[in-house]
Amino acid sequence: MIRLILMLPNFILLWLSGKKQITLGGRKLLPAFQLICEQNEKLGIQYKDISPTDLRANYISQNIPKIGLEEIITSNHKVPVEGDTIEVREYSSDSINKSGSSLVYFHGGGWVIGDTDTHDNVCRYICKKLNIKIFSVNYRLSPEYKFPIPFNDCFDAYEWISNHAELLEVDPEMISVGGDSAGGNLATSICIERKKKEKPLPNAQLLIYPATDLRLVTNSMTKDCNEGFVLTEELMKWFVNHYLDLDELKNDPRVSPLLAEKFDGLPPALIITAGFDPLRDEGLQYSEKLKQDNVTVVYKEYPAYIHGFFNMLEVPGIKKSIDEICEEFKGLIK
């Protein structure tokens, strides 16, 4: 039903939202997203009163039907991490070259919600569009497993994939990292940590509206987009408080990669932001920091979009945008 509604003409979507088209600094919010935002506001969620378990259930209940793409084949790997094992889901197809490029993908969800299932559709889609293997990491979540456990899980998963490249039929020197939101945070933090430990670096970075500064101090976080666009300043504080035990950890580059001392030598990065997203400014700031240290960066803002669009394939126009993103990323992983 929601898919059919979102396909209605823009003037009807705006009428259903009950407002004129929302603008911000020359940006115009996509009517489909405006309706989604208005419906979300009507839920009246009080995050101070909601538990991680309840928010996870709510997130899963909103997940859209499976995208199909039966030609994409999946298999699950059990990867050892400290005190446990986690699942890494491999996406492949018969058209993918053996011993070629691959992408290790970390899902978003504020380090508290989300899993390989909530991001199954987008992983299938980018597997097809990039025509490379995708490895989606089901890292352990906070607050049951606070920092540094989710970070360490992702670090160890990348290491395991790199060490088993021959078995997995990928080129060990062509393994990239990527993720959306909290997943983008984990992906680029892994690059910084691997550089610090003098380990081989990923081939490239795909950073979709990454969280790069958990101090939450930018203009888009505290003013422009602090409320009304699904992800809010209040919700980000809720996520961060569940992820971190101590306030001082916000200055750790594994938590806030924007605060790292040096970025030289990091892998080339494609950084994507959304115009109506609290994380917009820190994504831009991170791109500028990388450029200052001579890292190859492609930066693109989608001005009419909200946070989370990468995982909203049912919204008209999103697949086309993801196609564009994949084409840009292909240029970095060659």
C-alpha atoms as a PDB file:
ATOM      1  CA  MET A   1       0.000   0.000   0.000  1.00  0.00           C
ATOM      2  CA  ILE A   2       2.729   2.511   0.970  1.00  0.00           C
ATOM      3  CA  ARG A   3       4.505   1.839  -2.329  1.00  0.00           C
ATOM      4  CA  LEU A   4       1.342   2.706  -4.278  1.00  0.00           C
ATOM      5  CA  ILE A   5       0.764   5.871  -2.240  1.00  0.00           C
ATOM      6  CA  LEU A   6       4.337   7.058  -2.816  1.00  0.00           C
ATOM      7  CA  MET A   7       3.812   6.738  -6.562  1.00  0.00           C
ATOM      8  CA  LEU A   8       1.031   9.353  -6.507  1.00  0.00           C
ATOM      9  CA  PRO A   9       1.723  12.755  -8.137  1.00  0.00           C
ATOM     10  CA  ASN A  10       3.765  15.171  -6.045  1.00  0.00           C
ATOM     11  CA  PHE A  11       0.885  17.637  -5.538  1.00  0.00           C
ATOM     12  CA  ILE A  12      -1.220  14.864  -3.985  1.00  0.00           C
ATOM     13  CA  LEU A  13       1.647  13.751  -1.746  1.00  0.00           C
ATOM     14  CA  LEU A  14       2.046  17.334  -0.527  1.00  0.00           C
ATOM     15  CA  TRP A  15      -1.713  17.573   0.085  1.00  0.00           C
ATOM     16  CA  LEU A  16      -1.591  14.327   2.068  1.00  0.00           C
ATOM     17  CA  SER A  17       1.287  15.704   4.147  1.00  0.00           C
ATOM     18  CA  GLY A  18      -0.885  18.675   5.112  1.00  0.00           C
ATOM     19  CA  LYS A  19       1.845  21.236   4.414  1.00  0.00           C
ATOM     20  CA  LYS A  20       3.392  23.293   1.665  1.00  0.00           C
ATOM     21  CA  GLN A  21       6.623  21.852   0.330  1.00  0.00           C
ATOM     22  CA  ILE A  22       9.305  22.195   3.003  1.00  0.00           C
ATOM     23  CA  THR A  23      12.415  24.127   1.963  1.00  0.00           C
ATOM     24  CA  LEU A  24      15.795  24.621   3.590  1.00  0.00           C
ATOM     25  CA  GLY A  25      18.508  26.894   2.232  1.00  0.00           C
ATOM     26  CA  GLY A  26      17.383  26.465  -1.352  1.00  0.00           C
ATOM     27  CA  ARG A  27      16.700  22.748  -0.934  1.00  0.00           C
ATOM     28  CA  LYS A  28      13.192  21.396  -1.530  1.00  0.00           C
ATOM     29  CA  LEU A  29      12.165  18.240   0.325  1.00  0.00           C
ATOM     30  CA  LEU A  30      10.994  15.459  -1.983  1.00  0.00           C
ATOM     31  CA  PRO A  31       7.190  15.225  -1.527  1.00  0.00           C
ATOM     32  CA  ALA A  32       7.360  11.462  -0.898  1.00  0.00           C
ATOM     33  CA  PHE A  33       9.810  12.078   1.955  1.00  0.00           C
ATOM     34  CA  GLN A  34       7.690  14.949   3.249  1.00  0.00           C
ATOM     35  CA  LEU A  35       4.747  12.568   3.594  1.00  0.00           C
ATOM     36  CA  ILE A  36       6.952   9.964   5.303  1.00  0.00           C
ATOM     37  CA  CYS A  37       8.233  12.614   7.728  1.00  0.00           C
ATOM     38  CA  GLU A  38       4.730  13.833   8.563  1.00  0.00           C
ATOM     39  CA  GLN A  39       3.490  10.300   9.174  1.00  0.00           C
ATOM     40  CA  ASN A  40       6.499   9.625  11.404  1.00  0.00           C
ATOM     41  CA  GLU A  41       5.798  12.787  13.425  1.00  0.00           C
ATOM     42  CA  LYS A  42       2.225  11.635  14.022  1.00  0.00           C
ATOM     43  CA  LEU A  43       3.547   8.544  15.796  1.00  0.00           C
ATOM     44  CA  GLY A  44       4.753  10.845  18.576  1.00  0.00           C
ATOM     45  CA  ILE A  45       7.562   8.540  19.647  1.00  0.00           C
ATOM     46  CA  GLN A  46       9.179   9.595  22.934  1.00  0.00           C
ATOM     47  CA  TYR A  47      12.659   8.128  22.758  1.00  0.00           C
ATOM     48  CA  LYS A  48      13.313   8.626  26.458  1.00  0.00           C
ATOM     49  CA  ASP A  49      10.513   6.118  27.077  1.00  0.00           C
ATOM     50  CA  ILE A  50      11.339   3.526  24.402  1.00  0.00           C
ATOM     51  CA  SER A  51      13.655   0.540  24.831  1.00  0.00           C
ATOM     52  CA  PRO A  52      16.158  -0.742  22.254  1.00  0.00           C
ATOM     53  CA  THR A  53      14.100  -3.927  21.984  1.00  0.00           C
ATOM     54  CA  ASP A  54      10.947  -1.958  21.152  1.00  0.00           C
ATOM     55  CA  LEU A  55      12.710   0.247  18.599  1.00  0.00           C
ATOM     56  CA  ARG A  56      14.228  -2.804  16.917  1.00  0.00           C
ATOM     57  CA  ALA A  57      10.801  -4.394  16.628  1.00  0.00           C
ATOM     58  CA  ASN A  58       9.384  -1.143  15.225  1.00  0.00           C
ATOM     59  CA  TYR A  59      12.210  -0.909  12.669  1.00  0.00           C
ATOM     60  CA  ILE A  60      11.742  -4.500  11.534  1.00  0.00           C
ATOM     61  CA  SER A  61       7.968  -4.022  11.229  1.00  0.00           C
ATOM     62  CA  GLN A  62       8.555  -1.133   8.786  1.00  0.00           C
ATOM     63  CA  ASN A  63      10.836  -3.196   6.577  1.00  0.00           C
ATOM     64  CA  ILE A  64       9.569  -3.445   3.010  1.00  0.00           C
ATOM     65  CA  PRO A  65       8.857  -6.678   1.093  1.00  0.00           C
ATOM     66  CA  LYS A  66      11.810  -8.488  -0.408  1.00  0.00           C
ATOM     67  CA  ILE A  67      13.113  -6.969  -3.616  1.00  0.00           C
ATOM     68  CA  GLY A  68      13.491 -10.267  -5.423  1.00  0.00           C
ATOM     69  CA  LEU A  69      16.619 -10.372  -7.605  1.00  0.00           C
ATOM     70  CA  GLU A  70      16.704 -14.150  -7.482  1.00  0.00           C
ATOM     71  CA  GLU A  71      19.899 -14.123  -9.533  1.00  0.00           C
ATOM     72  CA  ILE A  72      21.723 -12.842  -6.455  1.00  0.00           C
ATOM     73  CA  ILE A  73      22.940 -15.835  -4.452  1.00  0.00           C
ATOM     74  CA  THR A  74      23.509 -15.614  -0.694  1.00  0.00           C
ATOM     75  CA  SER A  75      25.474 -17.737   1.720  1.00  0.00           C
ATOM     76  CA  ASN A  76      26.245 -17.203   5.388  1.00  0.00           C
ATOM     77  CA  HIS A  77      29.631 -17.459   7.066  1.00  0.00           C
ATOM     78  CA  LYS A  78      30.284 -17.802  10.783  1.00  0.00           C
ATOM     79  CA  VAL A  79      33.139 -15.495  11.724  1.00  0.00           C
ATOM     80  CA  PRO A  80      34.931 -15.771  15.074  1.00  0.00           C
ATOM     81  CA  VAL A  81      35.034 -12.616  17.178  1.00  0.00           C
ATOM     82  CA  GLU A  82      36.013 -12.058  20.780  1.00  0.00           C
ATOM     83  CA  GLY A  83      33.904 -14.409  22.919  1.00  0.00           C
ATOM     84  CA  ASP A  84      31.465 -15.342  20.158  1.00  0.00           C
ATOM     85  CA  THR A  85      30.824 -15.726  16.436  1.00  0.00           C
ATOM     86  CA  ILE A  86      28.891 -13.397  14.145  1.00  0.00           C
ATOM     87  CA  GLU A  87      27.246 -13.899  10.775  1.00  0.00           C
ATOM     88  CA  VAL A  88      28.655 -12.463   7.564  1.00  0.00           C
ATOM     89  CA  ARG A  89      26.265 -12.790   4.638  1.00  0.00           C
ATOM     90  CA  GLU A  90      27.849 -13.108   1.219  1.00  0.00           C
ATOM     91  CA  TYR A  91      26.051 -11.833  -1.894  1.00  0.00           C
ATOM     92  CA  SER A  92      27.189 -13.043  -5.294  1.00  0.00           C
ATOM     93  CA  SER A  93      25.971 -14.018  -8.758  1.00  0.00           C
ATOM     94  CA  ASP A  94      27.120 -16.095 -11.710  1.00  0.00           C
ATOM     95  CA  SER A  95      28.123 -12.920 -13.576  1.00  0.00           C
ATOM     96  CA  ILE A  96      30.685 -11.833 -10.962  1.00  0.00           C
ATOM     97  CA  ASN A  97      34.324 -12.457 -11.812  1.00  0.00           C
ATOM     98  CA  LYS A  98      36.173 -14.813  -9.508  1.00  0.00           C
ATOM     99  CA  SER A  99      39.076 -13.271  -7.603  1.00  0.00           C
ATOM    100  CA  GLY A 100      37.733  -9.799  -8.331  1.00  0.00           C
ATOM    101  CA  SER A 101      36.701  -6.758  -6.284  1.00  0.00           C
ATOM    102  CA  SER A 102      34.431  -7.008  -3.248  1.00  0.00           C
ATOM    103  CA  LEU A 103      32.792  -4.776  -0.655  1.00  0.00           C
ATOM    104  CA  VAL A 104      32.477  -5.411   3.077  1.00  0.00           C
ATOM    105  CA  TYR A 105      29.247  -3.653   4.104  1.00  0.00           C
ATOM    106  CA  PHE A 106      28.239  -2.513   7.597  1.00  0.00           C
ATOM    107  CA  HIS A 107      24.539  -1.752   8.095  1.00  0.00           C
ATOM    108  CA  GLY A 108      23.197   1.395   9.699  1.00  0.00           C
ATOM    109  CA  GLY A 109      20.920   1.711  12.705  1.00  0.00           C
ATOM    110  CA  GLY A 110      22.762   3.807  15.277  1.00  0.00           C
ATOM    111  CA  TRP A 111      24.782   0.825  16.543  1.00  0.00           C
ATOM    112  CA  VAL A 112      21.522  -0.257  18.263  1.00  0.00           C
ATOM    113  CA  ILE A 113      19.072  -1.452  15.586  1.00  0.00           C
ATOM    114  CA  GLY A 114      19.302  -3.089  12.169  1.00  0.00           C
ATOM    115  CA  ASP A 115      20.885  -6.311  10.939  1.00  0.00           C
ATOM    116  CA  THR A 116      21.694  -8.202   7.764  1.00  0.00           C
ATOM    117  CA  ASP A 117      17.970  -8.785   7.145  1.00  0.00           C
ATOM    118  CA  THR A 118      16.949  -5.109   7.359  1.00  0.00           C
ATOM    119  CA  HIS A 119      19.621  -4.303   4.772  1.00  0.00           C
ATOM    120  CA  ASP A 120      19.159  -7.386   2.611  1.00  0.00           C
ATOM    121  CA  ASN A 121      17.357  -5.538  -0.183  1.00  0.00           C
ATOM    122  CA  VAL A 122      19.985  -2.832  -0.600  1.00  0.00           C
ATOM    123  CA  CYS A 123      22.841  -5.349  -0.433  1.00  0.00           C
ATOM    124  CA  ARG A 124      21.195  -7.414  -3.165  1.00  0.00           C
ATOM    125  CA  TYR A 125      20.676  -4.292  -5.245  1.00  0.00           C
ATOM    126  CA  ILE A 126      24.229  -2.956  -4.993  1.00  0.00           C
ATOM    127  CA  CYS A 127      25.592  -6.468  -5.578  1.00  0.00           C
ATOM    128  CA  LYS A 128      23.788  -6.467  -8.908  1.00  0.00           C
ATOM    129  CA  LYS A 129      24.701  -2.892  -9.833  1.00  0.00           C
ATOM    130  CA  LEU A 130      28.374  -3.064  -8.813  1.00  0.00           C
ATOM    131  CA  ASN A 131      28.677  -6.651 -10.050  1.00  0.00           C
ATOM    132  CA  ILE A 132      31.012  -7.513  -7.180  1.00  0.00           C
ATOM    133  CA  LYS A 133      30.650  -9.689  -4.097  1.00  0.00           C
ATOM    134  CA  ILE A 134      29.141  -8.005  -1.048  1.00  0.00           C
ATOM    135  CA  PHE A 135      29.844  -9.215   2.489  1.00  0.00           C
ATOM    136  CA  SER A 136      27.264  -7.853   4.950  1.00  0.00           C
ATOM    137  CA  VAL A 137      28.399  -7.966   8.586  1.00  0.00           C
ATOM    138  CA  ASN A 138      25.924  -8.750  11.369  1.00  0.00           C
ATOM    139  CA  TYR A 139      27.937  -7.129  14.163  1.00  0.00           C
ATOM    140  CA  ARG A 140      26.705  -7.241  17.747  1.00  0.00           C
ATOM    141  CA  LEU A 141      24.546  -4.311  18.853  1.00  0.00           C
ATOM    142  CA  SER A 142      24.486  -1.872  21.760  1.00  0.00           C
ATOM    143  CA  PRO A 143      23.552  -1.469  24.563  1.00  0.00           C
ATOM    144  CA  GLU A 144      23.997  -5.214  25.151  1.00  0.00           C
ATOM    145  CA  TYR A 145      27.412  -4.879  23.508  1.00  0.00           C
ATOM    146  CA  LYS A 146      28.735  -1.366  23.914  1.00  0.00           C
ATOM    147  CA  PHE A 147      31.739   0.209  22.209  1.00  0.00           C
ATOM    148  CA  PRO A 148      34.290  -1.102  21.380  1.00  0.00           C
ATOM    149  CA  ILE A 149      32.557  -4.460  20.735  1.00  0.00           C
ATOM    150  CA  PRO A 150      30.569  -3.463  17.592  1.00  0.00           C
ATOM    151  CA  PHE A 151      33.681  -1.761  16.211  1.00  0.00           C
ATOM    152  CA  ASN A 152      35.892  -4.752  17.037  1.00  0.00           C
ATOM    153  CA  ASP A 153      33.397  -7.145  15.435  1.00  0.00           C
ATOM    154  CA  CYS A 154      33.578  -5.164  12.194  1.00  0.00           C
ATOM    155  CA  PHE A 155      37.359  -4.885  12.351  1.00  0.00           C
ATOM    156  CA  ASP A 156      37.660  -8.646  12.905  1.00  0.00           C
ATOM    157  CA  ALA A 157      35.153  -9.435  10.159  1.00  0.00           C
ATOM    158  CA  TYR A 158      37.146  -7.413   7.638  1.00  0.00           C
ATOM    159  CA  GLU A 159      40.341  -9.151   8.775  1.00  0.00           C
ATOM    160  CA  TRP A 160      38.705 -12.577   8.425  1.00  0.00           C
ATOM    161  CA  ILE A 161      37.487 -11.819   4.901  1.00  0.00           C
ATOM    162  CA  SER A 162      40.931 -10.512   3.933  1.00  0.00           C
ATOM    163  CA  ASN A 163      42.644 -13.599   5.366  1.00  0.00           C
ATOM    164  CA  HIS A 164      40.203 -15.937   3.593  1.00  0.00           C
ATOM    165  CA  ALA A 165      40.206 -14.111   0.256  1.00  0.00           C
ATOM    166  CA  GLU A 166      41.297 -17.168  -1.702  1.00  0.00           C
ATOM    167  CA  LEU A 167      38.573 -19.344  -0.179  1.00  0.00           C
ATOM    168  CA  LEU A 168      35.986 -16.585  -0.779  1.00  0.00           C
ATOM    169  CA  GLU A 169      37.242 -16.094  -4.336  1.00  0.00           C
ATOM    170  CA  VAL A 170      38.011 -12.387  -4.037  1.00  0.00           C
ATOM    171  CA  ASP A 171      41.162 -10.371  -4.620  1.00  0.00           C
ATOM    172  CA  PRO A 172      42.687  -9.527  -1.190  1.00  0.00           C
ATOM    173  CA  GLU A 173      43.974  -6.217  -2.548  1.00  0.00           C
ATOM    174  CA  MET A 174      40.564  -5.207  -3.962  1.00  0.00           C
ATOM    175  CA  ILE A 175      38.412  -5.460  -0.827  1.00  0.00           C
ATOM    176  CA  SER A 176      36.601  -2.191  -0.089  1.00  0.00           C
ATOM    177  CA  VAL A 177      34.527  -1.137   2.914  1.00  0.00           C
ATOM    178  CA  GLY A 178      31.239   0.687   3.080  1.00  0.00           C
ATOM    179  CA  GLY A 179      28.124   1.329   5.068  1.00  0.00           C
ATOM    180  CA  ASP A 180      25.274   3.690   5.790  1.00  0.00           C
ATOM    181  CA  SER A 181      25.043   5.987   8.814  1.00  0.00           C
ATOM    182  CA  ALA A 182      26.503   4.069  11.791  1.00  0.00           C
ATOM    183  CA  GLY A 183      27.813   1.586   9.232  1.00  0.00           C
ATOM    184  CA  GLY A 184      29.641   4.378   7.414  1.00  0.00           C
ATOM    185  CA  ASN A 185      31.120   5.382  10.760  1.00  0.00           C
ATOM    186  CA  LEU A 186      32.373   1.835  11.340  1.00  0.00           C
ATOM    187  CA  ALA A 187      33.725   1.504   7.799  1.00  0.00           C
ATOM    188  CA  THR A 188      35.912   4.609   7.836  1.00  0.00           C
ATOM    189  CA  SER A 189      36.962   4.086  11.479  1.00  0.00           C
ATOM    190  CA  ILE A 190      38.278   0.670  10.461  1.00  0.00           C
ATOM    191  CA  CYS A 191      40.423   2.339   7.794  1.00  0.00           C
ATOM    192  CA  ILE A 192      41.870   4.762  10.348  1.00  0.00           C
ATOM    193  CA  GLU A 193      42.580   1.958  12.837  1.00  0.00           C
ATOM    194  CA  ARG A 194      44.148  -0.316  10.225  1.00  0.00           C
ATOM    195  CA  LYS A 195      46.426   2.525   9.157  1.00  0.00           C
ATOM    196  CA  LYS A 196      47.400   3.091  12.805  1.00  0.00           C
ATOM    197  CA  LYS A 197      48.228  -0.615  13.191  1.00  0.00           C
ATOM    198  CA  GLU A 198      50.117  -0.609   9.871  1.00  0.00           C
ATOM    199  CA  LYS A 199      47.811  -3.220   8.356  1.00  0.00           C
ATOM    200  CA  PRO A 200      46.881  -3.356   4.659  1.00  0.00           C
ATOM    201  CA  LEU A 201      44.127  -0.860   3.926  1.00  0.00           C
ATOM    202  CA  PRO A 202      40.840  -1.410   2.095  1.00  0.00           C
ATOM    203  CA  ASN A 203      40.764  -0.559  -1.586  1.00  0.00           C
ATOM    204  CA  ALA A 204      38.125   2.189  -1.274  1.00  0.00           C
ATOM    205  CA  GLN A 205      35.377   3.542   1.005  1.00  0.00           C
ATOM    206  CA  LEU A 206      31.648   3.838   0.268  1.00  0.00           C
ATOM    207  CA  LEU A 207      30.312   6.148   2.977  1.00  0.00           C
ATOM    208  CA  ILE A 208      26.567   6.782   2.867  1.00  0.00           C
ATOM    209  CA  TYR A 209      25.597   9.688   5.168  1.00  0.00           C
ATOM    210  CA  PRO A 210      28.243   8.570   7.682  1.00  0.00           C
ATOM    211  CA  ALA A 211      28.222   9.583  11.348  1.00  0.00           C
ATOM    212  CA  THR A 212      31.679  11.101  11.810  1.00  0.00           C
ATOM    213  CA  ASP A 213      31.393  13.253  14.953  1.00  0.00           C
ATOM    214  CA  LEU A 214      29.490  11.821  17.914  1.00  0.00           C
ATOM    215  CA  ARG A 215      29.806  15.075  19.819  1.00  0.00           C
ATOM    216  CA  LEU A 216      26.724  16.059  17.745  1.00  0.00           C
ATOM    217  CA  VAL A 217      27.688  19.719  17.400  1.00  0.00           C
ATOM    218  CA  THR A 218      27.131  20.663  13.736  1.00  0.00           C
ATOM    219  CA  ASN A 219      24.583  23.186  12.485  1.00  0.00           C
ATOM    220  CA  SER A 220      22.566  20.509  10.654  1.00  0.00           C
ATOM    221  CA  MET A 221      22.433  18.446  13.860  1.00  0.00           C
ATOM    222  CA  THR A 222      21.492  21.186  16.318  1.00  0.00           C
ATOM    223  CA  LYS A 223      19.524  23.631  14.113  1.00  0.00           C
ATOM    224  CA  ASP A 224      18.723  22.972  10.435  1.00  0.00           C
ATOM    225  CA  CYS A 225      17.616  19.344  10.667  1.00  0.00           C
ATOM    226  CA  ASN A 226      17.450  18.682  14.385  1.00  0.00           C
ATOM    227  CA  GLU A 227      13.804  17.576  14.240  1.00  0.00           C
ATOM    228  CA  GLY A 228      11.054  16.644  11.823  1.00  0.00           C
ATOM    229  CA  PHE A 229      13.020  14.542   9.336  1.00  0.00           C
ATOM    230  CA  VAL A 230      12.788  11.020  10.908  1.00  0.00           C
ATOM    231  CA  LEU A 231      16.362  11.014  12.232  1.00  0.00           C
ATOM    232  CA  THR A 232      16.497  13.745  14.869  1.00  0.00           C
ATOM    233  CA  GLU A 233      19.009  15.209  17.296  1.00  0.00           C
ATOM    234  CA  GLU A 234      17.066  13.540  20.119  1.00  0.00           C
ATOM    235  CA  LEU A 235      17.272  10.132  18.444  1.00  0.00           C
ATOM    236  CA  MET A 236      21.001  10.546  17.719  1.00  0.00           C
ATOM    237  CA  LYS A 237      21.621  11.317  21.400  1.00  0.00           C
ATOM    238  CA  TRP A 238      19.600   8.197  22.278  1.00  0.00           C
ATOM    239  CA  PHE A 239      21.766   6.089  19.951  1.00  0.00           C
ATOM    240  CA  VAL A 240      25.040   7.554  21.225  1.00  0.00           C
ATOM    241  CA  ASN A 241      24.072   7.081  24.868  1.00  0.00           C
ATOM    242  CA  HIS A 242      23.350   3.410  24.197  1.00  0.00           C
ATOM    243  CA  TYR A 243      26.576   2.943  22.210  1.00  0.00           C
ATOM    244  CA  LEU A 244      29.034   4.615  24.584  1.00  0.00           C
ATOM    245  CA  ASP A 245      29.675   4.070  28.282  1.00  0.00           C
ATOM    246  CA  LEU A 246      31.620   7.288  28.800  1.00  0.00           C
ATOM    247  CA  ASP A 247      31.215  10.774  27.388  1.00  0.00           C
ATOM    248  CA  GLU A 248      34.989  11.052  26.844  1.00  0.00           C
ATOM    249  CA  LEU A 249      34.808   8.290  24.240  1.00  0.00           C
ATOM    250  CA  LYS A 250      33.224  10.752  21.812  1.00  0.00           C
ATOM    251  CA  ASN A 251      36.770  12.063  21.197  1.00  0.00           C
ATOM    252  CA  ASP A 252      38.127   8.628  20.246  1.00  0.00           C
ATOM    253  CA  PRO A 253      38.775   8.487  16.464  1.00  0.00           C
ATOM    254  CA  ARG A 254      37.269   4.978  16.398  1.00  0.00           C
ATOM    255  CA  VAL A 255      34.043   6.676  17.548  1.00  0.00           C
ATOM    256  CA  SER A 256      34.375  10.089  15.893  1.00  0.00           C
ATOM    257  CA  PRO A 257      36.635   9.608  12.849  1.00  0.00           C
ATOM    258  CA  LEU A 258      36.413  13.336  12.063  1.00  0.00           C
ATOM    259  CA  LEU A 259      38.623  13.895  15.130  1.00  0.00           C
ATOM    260  CA  ALA A 260      41.505  11.729  13.931  1.00  0.00           C
ATOM    261  CA  GLU A 261      44.843  13.587  13.794  1.00  0.00           C
ATOM    262  CA  LYS A 262      45.832  12.539  10.272  1.00  0.00           C
ATOM    263  CA  PHE A 263      44.026  11.173   7.219  1.00  0.00           C
ATOM    264  CA  ASP A 264      46.850  10.935   4.695  1.00  0.00           C
ATOM    265  CA  GLY A 265      47.154   7.566   3.024  1.00  0.00           C
ATOM    266  CA  LEU A 266      43.543   6.541   3.647  1.00  0.00           C
ATOM    267  CA  PRO A 267      41.671   4.792   0.809  1.00  0.00           C
ATOM    268  CA  PRO A 268      39.766   6.888  -1.735  1.00  0.00           C
ATOM    269  CA  ALA A 269      36.237   7.643  -0.556  1.00  0.00           C
ATOM    270  CA  LEU A 270      32.830   8.270  -2.037  1.00  0.00           C
ATOM    271  CA  ILE A 271      30.889  10.270   0.554  1.00  0.00           C
ATOM    272  CA  ILE A 272      27.136  10.720   0.130  1.00  0.00           C
ATOM    273  CA  THR A 273      24.933  13.019   2.204  1.00  0.00           C
ATOM    274  CA  ALA A 274      21.264  14.059   2.211  1.00  0.00           C
ATOM    275  CA  GLY A 275      20.051  17.650   2.344  1.00  0.00           C
ATOM    276  CA  PHE A 276      17.487  17.099   5.130  1.00  0.00           C
ATOM    277  CA  ASP A 277      19.708  14.971   7.376  1.00  0.00           C
ATOM    278  CA  PRO A 278      21.188  15.903  10.775  1.00  0.00           C
ATOM    279  CA  LEU A 279      24.391  14.099   9.675  1.00  0.00           C
ATOM    280  CA  ARG A 280      24.742  16.246   6.536  1.00  0.00           C
ATOM    281  CA  ASP A 281      27.324  18.724   7.810  1.00  0.00           C
ATOM    282  CA  GLU A 282      29.644  16.192   9.452  1.00  0.00           C
ATOM    283  CA  GLY A 283      29.704  14.183   6.235  1.00  0.00           C
ATOM    284  CA  LEU A 284      30.746  17.311   4.344  1.00  0.00           C
ATOM    285  CA  GLN A 285      33.319  18.209   7.005  1.00  0.00           C
ATOM    286  CA  TYR A 286      34.788  14.711   6.805  1.00  0.00           C
ATOM    287  CA  SER A 287      35.133  14.976   3.028  1.00  0.00           C
ATOM    288  CA  GLU A 288      36.983  18.272   3.473  1.00  0.00           C
ATOM    289  CA  LYS A 289      39.332  16.778   6.084  1.00  0.00           C
ATOM    290  CA  LEU A 290      40.209  13.912   3.762  1.00  0.00           C
ATOM    291  CA  LYS A 291      40.819  16.277   0.850  1.00  0.00           C
ATOM    292  CA  GLN A 292      43.099  18.451   2.996  1.00  0.00           C
ATOM    293  CA  ASP A 293      45.300  15.382   3.536  1.00  0.00           C
ATOM    294  CA  ASN A 294      45.308  14.565  -0.186  1.00  0.00           C
ATOM    295  CA  VAL A 295      42.913  11.623  -0.013  1.00  0.00           C
ATOM    296  CA  THR A 296      40.919  11.107  -3.203  1.00  0.00           C
ATOM    297  CA  VAL A 297      37.325  12.038  -2.388  1.00  0.00           C
ATOM    298  CA  VAL A 298      34.124  12.190  -4.405  1.00  0.00           C
ATOM    299  CA  TYR A 299      31.451  14.058  -2.440  1.00  0.00           C
ATOM    300  CA  LYS A 300      27.795  14.310  -3.424  1.00  0.00           C
ATOM    301  CA  GLU A 301      24.775  15.682  -1.579  1.00  0.00           C
ATOM    302  CA  TYR A 302      21.254  14.643  -2.564  1.00  0.00           C
ATOM    303  CA  PRO A 303      19.556  17.907  -1.549  1.00  0.00           C
ATOM    304  CA  ALA A 304      15.923  16.696  -1.613  1.00  0.00           C
ATOM    305  CA  TYR A 305      16.496  13.540   0.441  1.00  0.00           C
ATOM    306  CA  ILE A 306      16.339  12.550   4.106  1.00  0.00           C
ATOM    307  CA  HIS A 307      18.512  10.262   6.188  1.00  0.00           C
ATOM    308  CA  GLY A 308      17.906   6.610   5.428  1.00  0.00           C
ATOM    309  CA  PHE A 309      17.103   7.030   1.734  1.00  0.00           C
ATOM    310  CA  PHE A 310      19.684   4.434   0.678  1.00  0.00           C
ATOM    311  CA  ASN A 311      17.545   1.740   2.263  1.00  0.00           C
ATOM    312  CA  MET A 312      14.235   3.071   0.857  1.00  0.00           C
ATOM    313  CA  LEU A 313      14.172   1.430  -2.554  1.00  0.00           C
ATOM    314  CA  GLU A 314      10.387   1.699  -2.690  1.00  0.00           C
ATOM    315  CA  VAL A 315      10.515   5.510  -2.941  1.00  0.00           C
ATOM    316  CA  PRO A 316      10.337   6.647  -6.585  1.00  0.00           C
ATOM    317  CA  GLY A 317      13.713   7.905  -7.776  1.00  0.00           C
ATOM    318  CA  ILE A 318      15.840   6.184  -5.136  1.00  0.00           C
ATOM    319  CA  LYS A 319      16.936   3.291  -7.329  1.00  0.00           C
ATOM    320  CA  LYS A 320      18.132   5.788  -9.931  1.00  0.00           C
ATOM    321  CA  SER A 321      20.139   7.615  -7.253  1.00  0.00           C
ATOM    322  CA  ILE A 322      21.681   4.378  -6.022  1.00  0.00           C
ATOM    323  CA  ASP A 323      22.542   3.548  -9.640  1.00  0.00           C
ATOM    324  CA  GLU A 324      24.412   6.867  -9.809  1.00  0.00           C
ATOM    325  CA  ILE A 325      26.211   6.129  -6.552  1.00  0.00           C
ATOM    326  CA  CYS A 326      27.262   2.701  -7.781  1.00  0.00           C
ATOM    327  CA  GLU A 327      28.587   4.164 -11.032  1.00  0.00           C
ATOM    328  CA  GLU A 328      30.662   6.675  -9.075  1.00  0.00           C
ATOM    329  CA  PHE A 329      31.987   3.952  -6.789  1.00  0.00           C
ATOM    330  CA  LYS A 330      32.990   1.790  -9.734  1.00  0.00           C
ATOM    331  CA  GLY A 331      35.403   4.563 -10.676  1.00  0.00           C
ATOM    332  CA  LEU A 332      37.127   4.282  -7.288  1.00  0.00           C
ATOM    333  CA  ILE A 333      37.477   0.513  -7.138  1.00  0.00           C
ATOM    334  CA  LYS A 334      39.040  -0.004 -10.575  1.00  0.00           C
END
